[in-house]
Each structure stands twice: as C-alpha cells, then as structure tokens.
Amino acid sequence: MRRGFYRIGAPGRYSTILAPKASQMAARSPSTPRLAFVAATTTAARAAKAALEQRYGVVPPAEADVMVALGGDGLMLQALHRNMKRKSLKCLI
C-alpha cells in the first residue's frame, strides 16, 4: 500500500490515509468493490476522474459495484436515474 494525501477542511490541511494501488485493485478480493467513475464536463471533474482511474483502475459503469459521480447534483441525479434498476449496484457516491 502507498500513502495518499487528501484535502479535508481548510486549504492546506491534509490527512494521510492508506490507498491501494491500481494493481492491487485489479487483483482484488471478492469483498473489494469495483469502482466506476463518471465525471461532468468540467476540467476539474475530468482531472479528478483521470487521477482516480489511474489509482483504482478503470471499470465500466455497467460492471461496477460502486459508482462515483464527480460533478454537481445534476450529474448525480442522471447517474442515479440511469442505474436505478440495476440490482448489482451497491452504492452511488
């Protein structure tokens, strides 16, 4: 595992947590959820999606256990509506 830095609270304050590498996510255990990332068209959302996919790997939304929506409320609602009938989706963040 490697350490990742995530911003929380005020600018300049970071919390160190352990984050798995993409190779560890690919060789995952059955209890590790498969993550899919969907992003808005903004530059910040696309950059965040690229960074997260590099770290956690790329999983198509149709095969994901957890879907992470990177954008605003509209994107979250679109993703929710598109995937409401899926039985395998455990969580939408």
C-alpha atoms as a PDB file:
ATOM      1  CA  MET A   1       0.000   0.000   0.000  1.00  0.00           C
ATOM      2  CA  ARG A   2       1.072   3.555  -0.543  1.00  0.00           C
ATOM      3  CA  ARG A   3       0.055   6.675   1.233  1.00  0.00           C
ATOM      4  CA  GLY A   4      -2.250   9.167  -0.453  1.00  0.00           C
ATOM      5  CA  PHE A   5      -2.964  12.718   0.589  1.00  0.00           C
ATOM      6  CA  TYR A   6      -6.498  14.047   0.625  1.00  0.00           C
ATOM      7  CA  ARG A   7      -7.606  17.591   1.379  1.00  0.00           C
ATOM      8  CA  ILE A   8     -10.080  17.944   4.210  1.00  0.00           C
ATOM      9  CA  GLY A   9     -11.451  21.084   5.752  1.00  0.00           C
ATOM     10  CA  ALA A  10      -9.461  24.247   5.328  1.00  0.00           C
ATOM     11  CA  PRO A  11      -6.945  24.670   2.485  1.00  0.00           C
ATOM     12  CA  GLY A  12      -3.513  23.402   3.431  1.00  0.00           C
ATOM     13  CA  ARG A  13      -4.778  20.730   5.827  1.00  0.00           C
ATOM     14  CA  TYR A  14      -4.269  17.182   4.647  1.00  0.00           C
ATOM     15  CA  SER A  15      -4.994  13.813   6.119  1.00  0.00           C
ATOM     16  CA  THR A  16      -2.815  10.829   5.275  1.00  0.00           C
ATOM     17  CA  ILE A  17      -4.673   7.606   4.607  1.00  0.00           C
ATOM     18  CA  LEU A  18      -3.668   4.329   3.038  1.00  0.00           C
ATOM     19  CA  ALA A  19      -4.829   3.938  -0.547  1.00  0.00           C
ATOM     20  CA  PRO A  20      -4.381   0.788  -2.650  1.00  0.00           C
ATOM     21  CA  LYS A  21      -2.546   0.899  -5.957  1.00  0.00           C
ATOM     22  CA  ALA A  22      -4.390   0.143  -9.203  1.00  0.00           C
ATOM     23  CA  SER A  23      -2.583  -3.199  -9.471  1.00  0.00           C
ATOM     24  CA  GLN A  24      -3.914  -4.151  -6.044  1.00  0.00           C
ATOM     25  CA  MET A  25      -7.424  -3.164  -7.095  1.00  0.00           C
ATOM     26  CA  ALA A  26      -7.156  -5.324 -10.231  1.00  0.00           C
ATOM     27  CA  ALA A  27      -6.161  -8.332  -8.124  1.00  0.00           C
ATOM     28  CA  ARG A  28      -8.951  -7.642  -5.694  1.00  0.00           C
ATOM     29  CA  SER A  29     -10.641  -9.936  -3.263  1.00  0.00           C
ATOM     30  CA  PRO A  30     -14.344 -10.720  -3.727  1.00  0.00           C
ATOM     31  CA  SER A  31     -15.205  -8.328  -0.889  1.00  0.00           C
ATOM     32  CA  THR A  32     -13.463  -5.355  -2.554  1.00  0.00           C
ATOM     33  CA  PRO A  33     -15.986  -3.348  -4.580  1.00  0.00           C
ATOM     34  CA  ARG A  34     -15.330  -2.476  -8.223  1.00  0.00           C
ATOM     35  CA  LEU A  35     -15.352   1.317  -8.641  1.00  0.00           C
ATOM     36  CA  ALA A  36     -16.545   3.222 -11.710  1.00  0.00           C
ATOM     37  CA  PHE A  37     -16.065   6.960 -12.058  1.00  0.00           C
ATOM     38  CA  VAL A  38     -18.347   9.243 -14.082  1.00  0.00           C
ATOM     39  CA  ALA A  39     -17.422  12.896 -14.492  1.00  0.00           C
ATOM     40  CA  ALA A  40     -19.033  16.153 -15.522  1.00  0.00           C
ATOM     41  CA  THR A  41     -17.575  18.059 -18.468  1.00  0.00           C
ATOM     42  CA  THR A  42     -15.636  20.483 -16.278  1.00  0.00           C
ATOM     43  CA  THR A  43     -11.847  20.432 -16.308  1.00  0.00           C
ATOM     44  CA  ALA A  44     -11.642  19.743 -12.568  1.00  0.00           C
ATOM     45  CA  ALA A  45     -14.041  16.775 -12.766  1.00  0.00           C
ATOM     46  CA  ARG A  46     -12.190  15.250 -15.739  1.00  0.00           C
ATOM     47  CA  ALA A  47      -8.825  15.666 -13.996  1.00  0.00           C
ATOM     48  CA  ALA A  48     -10.183  14.048 -10.822  1.00  0.00           C
ATOM     49  CA  LYS A  49     -11.610  11.148 -12.843  1.00  0.00           C
ATOM     50  CA  ALA A  50      -8.276  10.563 -14.581  1.00  0.00           C
ATOM     51  CA  ALA A  51      -6.395  10.595 -11.267  1.00  0.00           C
ATOM     52  CA  LEU A  52      -8.863   8.232  -9.591  1.00  0.00           C
ATOM     53  CA  GLU A  53      -8.885   5.821 -12.529  1.00  0.00           C
ATOM     54  CA  GLN A  54      -5.099   5.763 -12.502  1.00  0.00           C
ATOM     55  CA  ARG A  55      -5.115   4.899  -8.810  1.00  0.00           C
ATOM     56  CA  TYR A  56      -8.051   2.483  -8.647  1.00  0.00           C
ATOM     57  CA  GLY A  57      -8.259   1.166 -12.210  1.00  0.00           C
ATOM     58  CA  VAL A  58     -10.922   1.509 -14.874  1.00  0.00           C
ATOM     59  CA  VAL A  59     -14.182  -0.392 -14.538  1.00  0.00           C
ATOM     60  CA  PRO A  60     -17.092   0.226 -16.944  1.00  0.00           C
ATOM     61  CA  PRO A  61     -20.161   1.614 -15.121  1.00  0.00           C
ATOM     62  CA  ALA A  62     -22.227  -1.417 -16.176  1.00  0.00           C
ATOM     63  CA  GLU A  63     -19.826  -3.724 -14.272  1.00  0.00           C
ATOM     64  CA  ALA A  64     -19.281  -1.576 -11.180  1.00  0.00           C
ATOM     65  CA  ASP A  65     -20.400  -2.280  -7.628  1.00  0.00           C
ATOM     66  CA  VAL A  66     -19.923   1.374  -6.652  1.00  0.00           C
ATOM     67  CA  MET A  67     -20.287   4.359  -8.947  1.00  0.00           C
ATOM     68  CA  VAL A  68     -18.633   7.663  -8.046  1.00  0.00           C
ATOM     69  CA  ALA A  69     -20.176  10.759  -9.664  1.00  0.00           C
ATOM     70  CA  LEU A  70     -17.684  13.622  -9.957  1.00  0.00           C
ATOM     71  CA  GLY A  71     -19.654  16.781 -10.608  1.00  0.00           C
ATOM     72  CA  GLY A  72     -22.751  18.505  -9.388  1.00  0.00           C
ATOM     73  CA  ASP A  73     -26.199  17.429  -8.283  1.00  0.00           C
ATOM     74  CA  GLY A  74     -27.390  17.133 -11.887  1.00  0.00           C
ATOM     75  CA  LEU A  75     -24.740  14.570 -12.760  1.00  0.00           C
ATOM     76  CA  MET A  76     -25.520  12.620  -9.601  1.00  0.00           C
ATOM     77  CA  LEU A  77     -29.224  12.536 -10.470  1.00  0.00           C
ATOM     78  CA  GLN A  78     -28.517  11.470 -14.062  1.00  0.00           C
ATOM     79  CA  ALA A  79     -26.287   8.635 -12.873  1.00  0.00           C
ATOM     80  CA  LEU A  80     -28.883   7.594 -10.305  1.00  0.00           C
ATOM     81  CA  HIS A  81     -31.727   7.562 -12.843  1.00  0.00           C
ATOM     82  CA  ARG A  82     -29.678   5.609 -15.399  1.00  0.00           C
ATOM     83  CA  ASN A  83     -28.795   2.922 -12.858  1.00  0.00           C
ATOM     84  CA  MET A  84     -31.887   2.694 -10.633  1.00  0.00           C
ATOM     85  CA  LYS A  85     -32.982  -0.698 -11.949  1.00  0.00           C
ATOM     86  CA  ARG A  86     -29.592  -2.369 -11.591  1.00  0.00           C
ATOM     87  CA  LYS A  87     -29.558  -4.964  -8.841  1.00  0.00           C
ATOM     88  CA  SER A  88     -25.752  -5.246  -8.715  1.00  0.00           C
ATOM     89  CA  LEU A  89     -25.051  -1.544  -7.982  1.00  0.00           C
ATOM     90  CA  LYS A  90     -24.475  -1.267  -4.247  1.00  0.00           C
ATOM     91  CA  CYS A  91     -23.780   2.422  -3.882  1.00  0.00           C
ATOM     92  CA  LEU A  92     -23.736   5.727  -5.781  1.00  0.00           C
ATOM     93  CA  ILE A  93     -21.452   8.357  -4.296  1.00  0.00           C
END
